[in-house]
């Protein structure tokens, strides 16, 4: 499965890149006095770990973007989960976890944690080493899990309410291969 799930990373940063190291921030408290839009000094916790790039390629490659940032989520080893949760994560039964199967020695069975998003300056990400990139099958799986996490919808076989034809919308998700940029 890993052969069709991943491809070797391209030189450009791309959605679905798995990075060896990126910062992930955690805000635990805000100052008591602040108003909307006000910039405030903030003490945050930051952890460096593997990351999955979630920003779409068109946002990453657009030089006219005023905010030179991309969204990433942390990637942790599947073995970091309790044994009871590992099987559920592997079968995508935990909505906020996206299972990443092993790929050779460089990537053990892991999970991307979709509810821990961090916005990172693009320059920090451009200097990070890449392990792999999700290919078409991997991207389709990511899109299905992102939809499930954000909406609690599950892409699967459904019936047309008018003609009762059954179809699986996940099979026709428009998905571009990373090399087709």
C-alpha atoms as a PDB file:
ATOM      1  CA  UNK A   1       0.000   0.000   0.000  1.00  0.00           C
ATOM      2  CA  UNK A   2       2.802   2.449   0.823  1.00  0.00           C
ATOM      3  CA  UNK A   3       4.008   2.330  -2.796  1.00  0.00           C
ATOM      4  CA  UNK A   4       0.756   3.871  -4.068  1.00  0.00           C
ATOM      5  CA  UNK A   5       0.199   6.033  -0.961  1.00  0.00           C
ATOM      6  CA  UNK A   6       3.463   8.004  -1.222  1.00  0.00           C
ATOM      7  CA  UNK A   7       5.884   9.315  -3.782  1.00  0.00           C
ATOM      8  CA  UNK A   8       9.317  10.812  -3.417  1.00  0.00           C
ATOM      9  CA  UNK A   9       9.108  14.485  -2.440  1.00  0.00           C
ATOM     10  CA  UNK A  10       9.487  17.148  -5.083  1.00  0.00           C
ATOM     11  CA  UNK A  11      11.965  19.980  -4.669  1.00  0.00           C
ATOM     12  CA  UNK A  12       9.101  22.454  -4.090  1.00  0.00           C
ATOM     13  CA  UNK A  13       7.060  22.416  -0.901  1.00  0.00           C
ATOM     14  CA  UNK A  14       3.762  20.642  -1.567  1.00  0.00           C
ATOM     15  CA  UNK A  15       0.529  19.687   0.161  1.00  0.00           C
ATOM     16  CA  UNK A  16       1.024  16.227   1.612  1.00  0.00           C
ATOM     17  CA  UNK A  17       4.756  16.642   2.248  1.00  0.00           C
ATOM     18  CA  UNK A  18       5.874  14.893   5.402  1.00  0.00           C
ATOM     19  CA  UNK A  19       8.641  16.986   6.941  1.00  0.00           C
ATOM     20  CA  UNK A  20      11.293  15.743   9.331  1.00  0.00           C
ATOM     21  CA  UNK A  21      11.009  18.735  11.644  1.00  0.00           C
ATOM     22  CA  UNK A  22       8.613  21.678  11.970  1.00  0.00           C
ATOM     23  CA  UNK A  23       7.432  23.782  14.910  1.00  0.00           C
ATOM     24  CA  UNK A  24       4.024  23.191  16.484  1.00  0.00           C
ATOM     25  CA  UNK A  25       2.692  25.773  18.921  1.00  0.00           C
ATOM     26  CA  UNK A  26       0.328  25.407  21.830  1.00  0.00           C
ATOM     27  CA  UNK A  27      -1.323  28.455  23.423  1.00  0.00           C
ATOM     28  CA  UNK A  28      -2.269  27.784  27.019  1.00  0.00           C
ATOM     29  CA  UNK A  29      -3.361  31.247  28.170  1.00  0.00           C
ATOM     30  CA  UNK A  30      -3.953  34.798  26.986  1.00  0.00           C
ATOM     31  CA  UNK A  31      -3.218  38.031  28.838  1.00  0.00           C
ATOM     32  CA  UNK A  32      -6.309  39.187  30.738  1.00  0.00           C
ATOM     33  CA  UNK A  33      -6.666  42.443  28.779  1.00  0.00           C
ATOM     34  CA  UNK A  34      -6.714  42.335  25.008  1.00  0.00           C
ATOM     35  CA  UNK A  35      -9.149  43.368  22.324  1.00  0.00           C
ATOM     36  CA  UNK A  36      -9.944  41.930  18.920  1.00  0.00           C
ATOM     37  CA  UNK A  37      -7.221  42.661  16.356  1.00  0.00           C
ATOM     38  CA  UNK A  38      -4.761  43.881  18.983  1.00  0.00           C
ATOM     39  CA  UNK A  39      -1.283  42.380  18.772  1.00  0.00           C
ATOM     40  CA  UNK A  40      -0.236  41.150  22.177  1.00  0.00           C
ATOM     41  CA  UNK A  41       2.946  39.569  23.481  1.00  0.00           C
ATOM     42  CA  UNK A  42       2.246  35.928  24.078  1.00  0.00           C
ATOM     43  CA  UNK A  43       4.133  33.119  25.687  1.00  0.00           C
ATOM     44  CA  UNK A  44       3.558  29.886  23.758  1.00  0.00           C
ATOM     45  CA  UNK A  45       4.903  26.399  23.983  1.00  0.00           C
ATOM     46  CA  UNK A  46       6.548  25.078  20.863  1.00  0.00           C
ATOM     47  CA  UNK A  47       7.446  21.500  20.069  1.00  0.00           C
ATOM     48  CA  UNK A  48       9.538  20.462  17.082  1.00  0.00           C
ATOM     49  CA  UNK A  49       8.388  17.223  15.495  1.00  0.00           C
ATOM     50  CA  UNK A  50       7.540  15.719  12.140  1.00  0.00           C
ATOM     51  CA  UNK A  51       4.786  17.487  10.248  1.00  0.00           C
ATOM     52  CA  UNK A  52       2.311  17.018   7.428  1.00  0.00           C
ATOM     53  CA  UNK A  53       1.769  20.045   5.169  1.00  0.00           C
ATOM     54  CA  UNK A  54      -1.971  20.724   4.791  1.00  0.00           C
ATOM     55  CA  UNK A  55      -1.976  23.996   2.808  1.00  0.00           C
ATOM     56  CA  UNK A  56      -3.020  23.490  -0.820  1.00  0.00           C
ATOM     57  CA  UNK A  57      -0.262  23.709  -3.428  1.00  0.00           C
ATOM     58  CA  UNK A  58      -1.832  26.792  -5.041  1.00  0.00           C
ATOM     59  CA  UNK A  59      -1.480  28.681  -1.738  1.00  0.00           C
ATOM     60  CA  UNK A  60       2.090  27.513  -1.258  1.00  0.00           C
ATOM     61  CA  UNK A  61       3.268  28.405  -4.756  1.00  0.00           C
ATOM     62  CA  UNK A  62       1.459  31.763  -5.078  1.00  0.00           C
ATOM     63  CA  UNK A  63       4.155  34.468  -4.800  1.00  0.00           C
ATOM     64  CA  UNK A  64       1.520  37.206  -4.437  1.00  0.00           C
ATOM     65  CA  UNK A  65       0.226  35.914  -1.140  1.00  0.00           C
ATOM     66  CA  UNK A  66       0.628  38.642   1.452  1.00  0.00           C
ATOM     67  CA  UNK A  67       0.928  36.080   4.239  1.00  0.00           C
ATOM     68  CA  UNK A  68       3.883  33.881   3.503  1.00  0.00           C
ATOM     69  CA  UNK A  69       2.667  31.037   5.709  1.00  0.00           C
ATOM     70  CA  UNK A  70       1.499  27.450   5.461  1.00  0.00           C
ATOM     71  CA  UNK A  71      -0.563  25.206   7.735  1.00  0.00           C
ATOM     72  CA  UNK A  72       0.960  22.021   9.143  1.00  0.00           C
ATOM     73  CA  UNK A  73      -0.062  19.424  11.682  1.00  0.00           C
ATOM     74  CA  UNK A  74       2.188  17.229  13.812  1.00  0.00           C
ATOM     75  CA  UNK A  75       3.005  13.639  12.874  1.00  0.00           C
ATOM     76  CA  UNK A  76       3.546  11.235  15.762  1.00  0.00           C
ATOM     77  CA  UNK A  77       4.392   7.555  15.868  1.00  0.00           C
ATOM     78  CA  UNK A  78       1.390   5.253  16.036  1.00  0.00           C
ATOM     79  CA  UNK A  79       3.136   3.501  18.923  1.00  0.00           C
ATOM     80  CA  UNK A  80       2.783   6.732  20.975  1.00  0.00           C
ATOM     81  CA  UNK A  81      -0.961   5.997  21.215  1.00  0.00           C
ATOM     82  CA  UNK A  82      -2.328   3.613  23.790  1.00  0.00           C
ATOM     83  CA  UNK A  83      -2.568   0.062  22.417  1.00  0.00           C
ATOM     84  CA  UNK A  84      -6.378   0.248  22.452  1.00  0.00           C
ATOM     85  CA  UNK A  85      -6.380   3.321  20.192  1.00  0.00           C
ATOM     86  CA  UNK A  86      -3.753   2.117  17.701  1.00  0.00           C
ATOM     87  CA  UNK A  87      -6.118  -0.197  15.796  1.00  0.00           C
ATOM     88  CA  UNK A  88      -8.838   2.469  15.637  1.00  0.00           C
ATOM     89  CA  UNK A  89      -6.328   5.034  14.349  1.00  0.00           C
ATOM     90  CA  UNK A  90      -5.006   2.582  11.760  1.00  0.00           C
ATOM     91  CA  UNK A  91      -8.573   2.083  10.442  1.00  0.00           C
ATOM     92  CA  UNK A  92      -9.309   5.862  10.479  1.00  0.00           C
ATOM     93  CA  UNK A  93     -11.918   5.455  13.211  1.00  0.00           C
ATOM     94  CA  UNK A  94     -10.588   8.414  15.218  1.00  0.00           C
ATOM     95  CA  UNK A  95     -11.701  11.482  13.294  1.00  0.00           C
ATOM     96  CA  UNK A  96      -8.823  13.783  14.243  1.00  0.00           C
ATOM     97  CA  UNK A  97      -6.098  11.237  13.418  1.00  0.00           C
ATOM     98  CA  UNK A  98      -4.932  10.444   9.884  1.00  0.00           C
ATOM     99  CA  UNK A  99      -3.032   7.155   9.645  1.00  0.00           C
ATOM    100  CA  UNK A 100       0.238   7.225   7.705  1.00  0.00           C
ATOM    101  CA  UNK A 101       1.471   3.712   6.895  1.00  0.00           C
ATOM    102  CA  UNK A 102       5.113   2.767   7.152  1.00  0.00           C
ATOM    103  CA  UNK A 103       7.385   3.704   4.253  1.00  0.00           C
ATOM    104  CA  UNK A 104      10.712   1.941   4.455  1.00  0.00           C
ATOM    105  CA  UNK A 105      13.014   2.820   7.321  1.00  0.00           C
ATOM    106  CA  UNK A 106      12.410   6.575   7.163  1.00  0.00           C
ATOM    107  CA  UNK A 107       8.716   6.533   8.154  1.00  0.00           C
ATOM    108  CA  UNK A 108       7.285   4.169  10.743  1.00  0.00           C
ATOM    109  CA  UNK A 109       3.502   3.709  11.112  1.00  0.00           C
ATOM    110  CA  UNK A 110       2.395   7.176  12.251  1.00  0.00           C
ATOM    111  CA  UNK A 111      -0.604   9.472  12.624  1.00  0.00           C
ATOM    112  CA  UNK A 112      -1.071  13.088  11.591  1.00  0.00           C
ATOM    113  CA  UNK A 113      -2.933  14.951  14.313  1.00  0.00           C
ATOM    114  CA  UNK A 114      -5.486  17.013  12.389  1.00  0.00           C
ATOM    115  CA  UNK A 115      -6.795  18.989  15.360  1.00  0.00           C
ATOM    116  CA  UNK A 116      -3.360  20.446  16.216  1.00  0.00           C
ATOM    117  CA  UNK A 117      -2.883  22.871  13.332  1.00  0.00           C
ATOM    118  CA  UNK A 118      -0.058  25.413  13.307  1.00  0.00           C
ATOM    119  CA  UNK A 119       0.524  28.252  10.866  1.00  0.00           C
ATOM    120  CA  UNK A 120       4.240  28.507  10.101  1.00  0.00           C
ATOM    121  CA  UNK A 121       6.331  30.999   8.146  1.00  0.00           C
ATOM    122  CA  UNK A 122       7.059  29.452   4.752  1.00  0.00           C
ATOM    123  CA  UNK A 123      10.827  30.041   5.065  1.00  0.00           C
ATOM    124  CA  UNK A 124      10.975  27.724   8.079  1.00  0.00           C
ATOM    125  CA  UNK A 125       9.227  24.998   6.117  1.00  0.00           C
ATOM    126  CA  UNK A 126      11.290  25.446   2.950  1.00  0.00           C
ATOM    127  CA  UNK A 127      14.439  24.611   4.882  1.00  0.00           C
ATOM    128  CA  UNK A 128      12.982  21.416   6.403  1.00  0.00           C
ATOM    129  CA  UNK A 129      13.967  18.010   5.039  1.00  0.00           C
ATOM    130  CA  UNK A 130      11.201  15.913   3.517  1.00  0.00           C
ATOM    131  CA  UNK A 131      10.562  12.229   4.135  1.00  0.00           C
ATOM    132  CA  UNK A 132       7.862  11.607   1.520  1.00  0.00           C
ATOM    133  CA  UNK A 133       4.852  13.174  -0.175  1.00  0.00           C
ATOM    134  CA  UNK A 134       1.323  11.808  -0.269  1.00  0.00           C
ATOM    135  CA  UNK A 135       0.550  10.636  -3.788  1.00  0.00           C
ATOM    136  CA  UNK A 136      -2.965  10.456  -5.278  1.00  0.00           C
ATOM    137  CA  UNK A 137      -4.215   7.608  -3.056  1.00  0.00           C
ATOM    138  CA  UNK A 138      -2.702   9.248   0.026  1.00  0.00           C
ATOM    139  CA  UNK A 139      -4.207  12.621  -0.850  1.00  0.00           C
ATOM    140  CA  UNK A 140      -7.660  11.091  -1.380  1.00  0.00           C
ATOM    141  CA  UNK A 141      -7.394   9.427   2.019  1.00  0.00           C
ATOM    142  CA  UNK A 142      -6.288  12.732   3.576  1.00  0.00           C
ATOM    143  CA  UNK A 143      -9.202  14.637   1.988  1.00  0.00           C
ATOM    144  CA  UNK A 144     -11.688  12.033   3.212  1.00  0.00           C
ATOM    145  CA  UNK A 145     -10.266  12.145   6.756  1.00  0.00           C
ATOM    146  CA  UNK A 146     -10.127  15.983   6.802  1.00  0.00           C
ATOM    147  CA  UNK A 147     -13.783  16.080   5.769  1.00  0.00           C
ATOM    148  CA  UNK A 148     -14.662  13.496   8.396  1.00  0.00           C
ATOM    149  CA  UNK A 149     -12.799  15.416  11.106  1.00  0.00           C
ATOM    150  CA  UNK A 150     -14.174  18.856  10.228  1.00  0.00           C
ATOM    151  CA  UNK A 151     -17.781  17.850   9.460  1.00  0.00           C
ATOM    152  CA  UNK A 152     -18.191  14.340  10.897  1.00  0.00           C
ATOM    153  CA  UNK A 153     -19.333  13.251   7.425  1.00  0.00           C
ATOM    154  CA  UNK A 154     -18.008   9.956   6.158  1.00  0.00           C
ATOM    155  CA  UNK A 155     -17.365   9.643   2.447  1.00  0.00           C
ATOM    156  CA  UNK A 156     -18.759   6.306   1.453  1.00  0.00           C
ATOM    157  CA  UNK A 157     -21.401   4.818  -0.753  1.00  0.00           C
ATOM    158  CA  UNK A 158     -24.577   6.932  -0.853  1.00  0.00           C
ATOM    159  CA  UNK A 159     -27.889   6.771  -2.741  1.00  0.00           C
ATOM    160  CA  UNK A 160     -29.168   9.485  -5.031  1.00  0.00           C
ATOM    161  CA  UNK A 161     -32.369  10.800  -3.410  1.00  0.00           C
ATOM    162  CA  UNK A 162     -34.095  11.036  -6.812  1.00  0.00           C
ATOM    163  CA  UNK A 163     -33.125   7.909  -8.753  1.00  0.00           C
ATOM    164  CA  UNK A 164     -31.669   5.814  -5.896  1.00  0.00           C
ATOM    165  CA  UNK A 165     -28.490   5.086  -7.877  1.00  0.00           C
ATOM    166  CA  UNK A 166     -25.704   4.155  -5.472  1.00  0.00           C
ATOM    167  CA  UNK A 167     -22.273   5.732  -5.838  1.00  0.00           C
ATOM    168  CA  UNK A 168     -19.134   6.437  -3.802  1.00  0.00           C
ATOM    169  CA  UNK A 169     -18.189  10.140  -3.993  1.00  0.00           C
ATOM    170  CA  UNK A 170     -14.704   9.458  -2.627  1.00  0.00           C
ATOM    171  CA  UNK A 171     -13.842   7.582  -5.829  1.00  0.00           C
ATOM    172  CA  UNK A 172     -14.291  10.706  -7.943  1.00  0.00           C
ATOM    173  CA  UNK A 173     -12.648  13.289  -5.677  1.00  0.00           C
ATOM    174  CA  UNK A 174     -10.672  15.584  -7.983  1.00  0.00           C
ATOM    175  CA  UNK A 175      -7.134  14.817  -6.881  1.00  0.00           C
ATOM    176  CA  UNK A 176      -3.967  16.039  -8.539  1.00  0.00           C
ATOM    177  CA  UNK A 177      -0.733  14.122  -8.299  1.00  0.00           C
ATOM    178  CA  UNK A 178       2.063  16.186  -6.696  1.00  0.00           C
ATOM    179  CA  UNK A 179       4.148  16.063  -9.874  1.00  0.00           C
ATOM    180  CA  UNK A 180       1.287  17.602 -11.906  1.00  0.00           C
ATOM    181  CA  UNK A 181       1.718  21.015 -10.287  1.00  0.00           C
END
